């Protein structure tokens, strides 16, 4: 038994062919990865408001594998900025925070792929 193609079927196929040739280019999804030129460390209290520490005179020390220890000072709003470390970090980072007297207040190791390090402590 032979299948008879109707005129309507032939017209639909012809329209589909013309649509394919005049198609708009597909939009490609772009993966956006933000890279900053500086690594920031934020010192925050563990109270209910997560307020920043008054950390004038404090130091943040970062240790990376194969890189000498780097130090940055905190401002009064609880933020330290490392100008020579770009983000996203590509290696694990060990962060130590010391007060003005040299007492160690906080120590933690962060994994790679970070833009900002947040230290929450009392």
C-alpha atoms as a PDB file:
ATOM      1  CA  UNK A   1       0.000   0.000   0.000  1.00  0.00           C
ATOM      2  CA  UNK A   2       1.429   3.354  -1.066  1.00  0.00           C
ATOM      3  CA  UNK A   3       1.237   6.334   1.278  1.00  0.00           C
ATOM      4  CA  UNK A   4      -0.226   9.339  -0.446  1.00  0.00           C
ATOM      5  CA  UNK A   5       1.205  12.665   0.679  1.00  0.00           C
ATOM      6  CA  UNK A   6      -1.329  15.387   0.707  1.00  0.00           C
ATOM      7  CA  UNK A   7      -0.686  18.841  -0.600  1.00  0.00           C
ATOM      8  CA  UNK A   8      -0.955  20.272   2.927  1.00  0.00           C
ATOM      9  CA  UNK A   9       1.852  17.990   4.155  1.00  0.00           C
ATOM     10  CA  UNK A  10       4.123  19.073   1.292  1.00  0.00           C
ATOM     11  CA  UNK A  11       3.419  22.745   2.040  1.00  0.00           C
ATOM     12  CA  UNK A  12       4.207  22.282   5.762  1.00  0.00           C
ATOM     13  CA  UNK A  13       7.539  20.641   4.938  1.00  0.00           C
ATOM     14  CA  UNK A  14       8.439  23.414   2.498  1.00  0.00           C
ATOM     15  CA  UNK A  15       7.675  26.039   5.144  1.00  0.00           C
ATOM     16  CA  UNK A  16       9.845  24.198   7.694  1.00  0.00           C
ATOM     17  CA  UNK A  17      12.765  24.142   5.258  1.00  0.00           C
ATOM     18  CA  UNK A  18      12.551  27.867   4.655  1.00  0.00           C
ATOM     19  CA  UNK A  19      12.408  28.538   8.392  1.00  0.00           C
ATOM     20  CA  UNK A  20      15.552  26.519   8.982  1.00  0.00           C
ATOM     21  CA  UNK A  21      17.559  28.410   6.407  1.00  0.00           C
ATOM     22  CA  UNK A  22      16.489  31.798   7.748  1.00  0.00           C
ATOM     23  CA  UNK A  23      16.998  30.885  11.414  1.00  0.00           C
ATOM     24  CA  UNK A  24      18.444  33.380  13.852  1.00  0.00           C
ATOM     25  CA  UNK A  25      21.797  32.342  15.344  1.00  0.00           C
ATOM     26  CA  UNK A  26      21.418  30.613  18.695  1.00  0.00           C
ATOM     27  CA  UNK A  27      22.333  32.619  21.754  1.00  0.00           C
ATOM     28  CA  UNK A  28      25.163  31.026  23.644  1.00  0.00           C
ATOM     29  CA  UNK A  29      25.228  30.984  27.394  1.00  0.00           C
ATOM     30  CA  UNK A  30      28.301  32.655  28.759  1.00  0.00           C
ATOM     31  CA  UNK A  31      29.721  31.630  32.080  1.00  0.00           C
ATOM     32  CA  UNK A  32      30.660  34.741  33.974  1.00  0.00           C
ATOM     33  CA  UNK A  33      33.400  34.390  36.560  1.00  0.00           C
ATOM     34  CA  UNK A  34      34.182  37.557  38.379  1.00  0.00           C
ATOM     35  CA  UNK A  35      37.808  38.129  39.233  1.00  0.00           C
ATOM     36  CA  UNK A  36      38.816  40.915  41.556  1.00  0.00           C
ATOM     37  CA  UNK A  37      42.281  42.427  41.770  1.00  0.00           C
ATOM     38  CA  UNK A  38      42.411  42.282  45.575  1.00  0.00           C
ATOM     39  CA  UNK A  39      41.504  39.749  48.262  1.00  0.00           C
ATOM     40  CA  UNK A  40      39.462  41.153  51.153  1.00  0.00           C
ATOM     41  CA  UNK A  41      39.180  39.762  54.678  1.00  0.00           C
ATOM     42  CA  UNK A  42      36.181  40.777  56.791  1.00  0.00           C
ATOM     43  CA  UNK A  43      36.164  40.334  60.604  1.00  0.00           C
ATOM     44  CA  UNK A  44      32.602  39.918  61.923  1.00  0.00           C
ATOM     45  CA  UNK A  45      31.212  39.249  65.394  1.00  0.00           C
ATOM     46  CA  UNK A  46      29.112  36.127  65.915  1.00  0.00           C
ATOM     47  CA  UNK A  47      26.280  38.026  67.593  1.00  0.00           C
ATOM     48  CA  UNK A  48      22.787  38.189  66.161  1.00  0.00           C
ATOM     49  CA  UNK A  49      23.522  41.308  64.079  1.00  0.00           C
ATOM     50  CA  UNK A  50      26.868  40.082  62.597  1.00  0.00           C
ATOM     51  CA  UNK A  51      28.433  43.489  63.230  1.00  0.00           C
ATOM     52  CA  UNK A  52      32.047  44.149  62.201  1.00  0.00           C
ATOM     53  CA  UNK A  53      34.800  44.261  64.803  1.00  0.00           C
ATOM     54  CA  UNK A  54      36.460  47.564  65.670  1.00  0.00           C
ATOM     55  CA  UNK A  55      39.772  46.204  64.447  1.00  0.00           C
ATOM     56  CA  UNK A  56      42.088  49.196  64.090  1.00  0.00           C
ATOM     57  CA  UNK A  57      45.674  47.971  64.513  1.00  0.00           C
ATOM     58  CA  UNK A  58      44.866  44.296  63.875  1.00  0.00           C
ATOM     59  CA  UNK A  59      46.784  42.237  61.298  1.00  0.00           C
ATOM     60  CA  UNK A  60      45.642  39.537  58.895  1.00  0.00           C
ATOM     61  CA  UNK A  61      48.277  36.998  57.858  1.00  0.00           C
ATOM     62  CA  UNK A  62      47.747  34.712  54.878  1.00  0.00           C
ATOM     63  CA  UNK A  63      49.811  31.609  54.218  1.00  0.00           C
ATOM     64  CA  UNK A  64      49.673  29.889  50.831  1.00  0.00           C
ATOM     65  CA  UNK A  65      51.595  26.868  49.609  1.00  0.00           C
ATOM     66  CA  UNK A  66      54.876  27.911  48.026  1.00  0.00           C
ATOM     67  CA  UNK A  67      54.310  31.627  48.695  1.00  0.00           C
ATOM     68  CA  UNK A  68      55.805  33.712  51.514  1.00  0.00           C
ATOM     69  CA  UNK A  69      53.411  34.822  54.264  1.00  0.00           C
ATOM     70  CA  UNK A  70      51.592  38.034  53.411  1.00  0.00           C
ATOM     71  CA  UNK A  71      50.302  40.594  55.896  1.00  0.00           C
ATOM     72  CA  UNK A  72      47.634  43.299  55.700  1.00  0.00           C
ATOM     73  CA  UNK A  73      46.304  45.655  58.358  1.00  0.00           C
ATOM     74  CA  UNK A  74      42.649  46.074  59.240  1.00  0.00           C
ATOM     75  CA  UNK A  75      40.833  49.393  59.162  1.00  0.00           C
ATOM     76  CA  UNK A  76      38.314  50.500  61.808  1.00  0.00           C
ATOM     77  CA  UNK A  77      35.410  48.825  59.958  1.00  0.00           C
ATOM     78  CA  UNK A  78      36.840  45.298  60.164  1.00  0.00           C
ATOM     79  CA  UNK A  79      38.196  44.955  56.615  1.00  0.00           C
ATOM     80  CA  UNK A  80      41.736  44.061  55.523  1.00  0.00           C
ATOM     81  CA  UNK A  81      42.803  44.228  51.882  1.00  0.00           C
ATOM     82  CA  UNK A  82      45.574  42.201  50.255  1.00  0.00           C
ATOM     83  CA  UNK A  83      46.580  44.150  47.133  1.00  0.00           C
ATOM     84  CA  UNK A  84      48.874  41.436  45.769  1.00  0.00           C
ATOM     85  CA  UNK A  85      46.442  38.463  45.890  1.00  0.00           C
ATOM     86  CA  UNK A  86      43.961  38.194  43.030  1.00  0.00           C
ATOM     87  CA  UNK A  87      40.709  36.313  43.243  1.00  0.00           C
ATOM     88  CA  UNK A  88      39.295  33.739  42.669  1.00  0.00           C
ATOM     89  CA  UNK A  89      42.014  32.089  44.747  1.00  0.00           C
ATOM     90  CA  UNK A  90      43.497  29.050  43.063  1.00  0.00           C
ATOM     91  CA  UNK A  91      45.008  27.385  46.154  1.00  0.00           C
ATOM     92  CA  UNK A  92      43.925  26.795  49.766  1.00  0.00           C
ATOM     93  CA  UNK A  93      44.628  29.729  52.080  1.00  0.00           C
ATOM     94  CA  UNK A  94      45.368  29.727  55.828  1.00  0.00           C
ATOM     95  CA  UNK A  95      44.187  32.915  57.544  1.00  0.00           C
ATOM     96  CA  UNK A  96      45.389  34.110  60.941  1.00  0.00           C
ATOM     97  CA  UNK A  97      44.144  37.297  62.631  1.00  0.00           C
ATOM     98  CA  UNK A  98      46.172  38.965  65.385  1.00  0.00           C
ATOM     99  CA  UNK A  99      45.263  41.963  67.521  1.00  0.00           C
ATOM    100  CA  UNK A 100      47.485  45.009  68.086  1.00  0.00           C
ATOM    101  CA  UNK A 101      49.331  43.242  70.937  1.00  0.00           C
ATOM    102  CA  UNK A 102      50.170  40.234  68.757  1.00  0.00           C
ATOM    103  CA  UNK A 103      47.656  37.850  70.361  1.00  0.00           C
ATOM    104  CA  UNK A 104      46.148  35.327  67.944  1.00  0.00           C
ATOM    105  CA  UNK A 105      42.381  35.848  67.712  1.00  0.00           C
ATOM    106  CA  UNK A 106      41.349  33.653  64.789  1.00  0.00           C
ATOM    107  CA  UNK A 107      42.833  30.890  62.602  1.00  0.00           C
ATOM    108  CA  UNK A 108      41.154  29.005  59.773  1.00  0.00           C
ATOM    109  CA  UNK A 109      41.955  27.375  56.441  1.00  0.00           C
ATOM    110  CA  UNK A 110      39.808  28.273  53.425  1.00  0.00           C
ATOM    111  CA  UNK A 111      39.583  26.295  50.206  1.00  0.00           C
ATOM    112  CA  UNK A 112      40.356  27.606  46.741  1.00  0.00           C
ATOM    113  CA  UNK A 113      37.920  29.605  44.603  1.00  0.00           C
ATOM    114  CA  UNK A 114      37.242  32.404  47.123  1.00  0.00           C
ATOM    115  CA  UNK A 115      36.670  36.094  46.462  1.00  0.00           C
ATOM    116  CA  UNK A 116      36.318  37.260  50.071  1.00  0.00           C
ATOM    117  CA  UNK A 117      37.322  35.636  53.356  1.00  0.00           C
ATOM    118  CA  UNK A 118      34.872  36.183  56.215  1.00  0.00           C
ATOM    119  CA  UNK A 119      36.121  35.525  59.764  1.00  0.00           C
ATOM    120  CA  UNK A 120      33.274  35.148  62.268  1.00  0.00           C
ATOM    121  CA  UNK A 121      34.381  35.104  65.893  1.00  0.00           C
ATOM    122  CA  UNK A 122      33.447  36.610  69.262  1.00  0.00           C
END
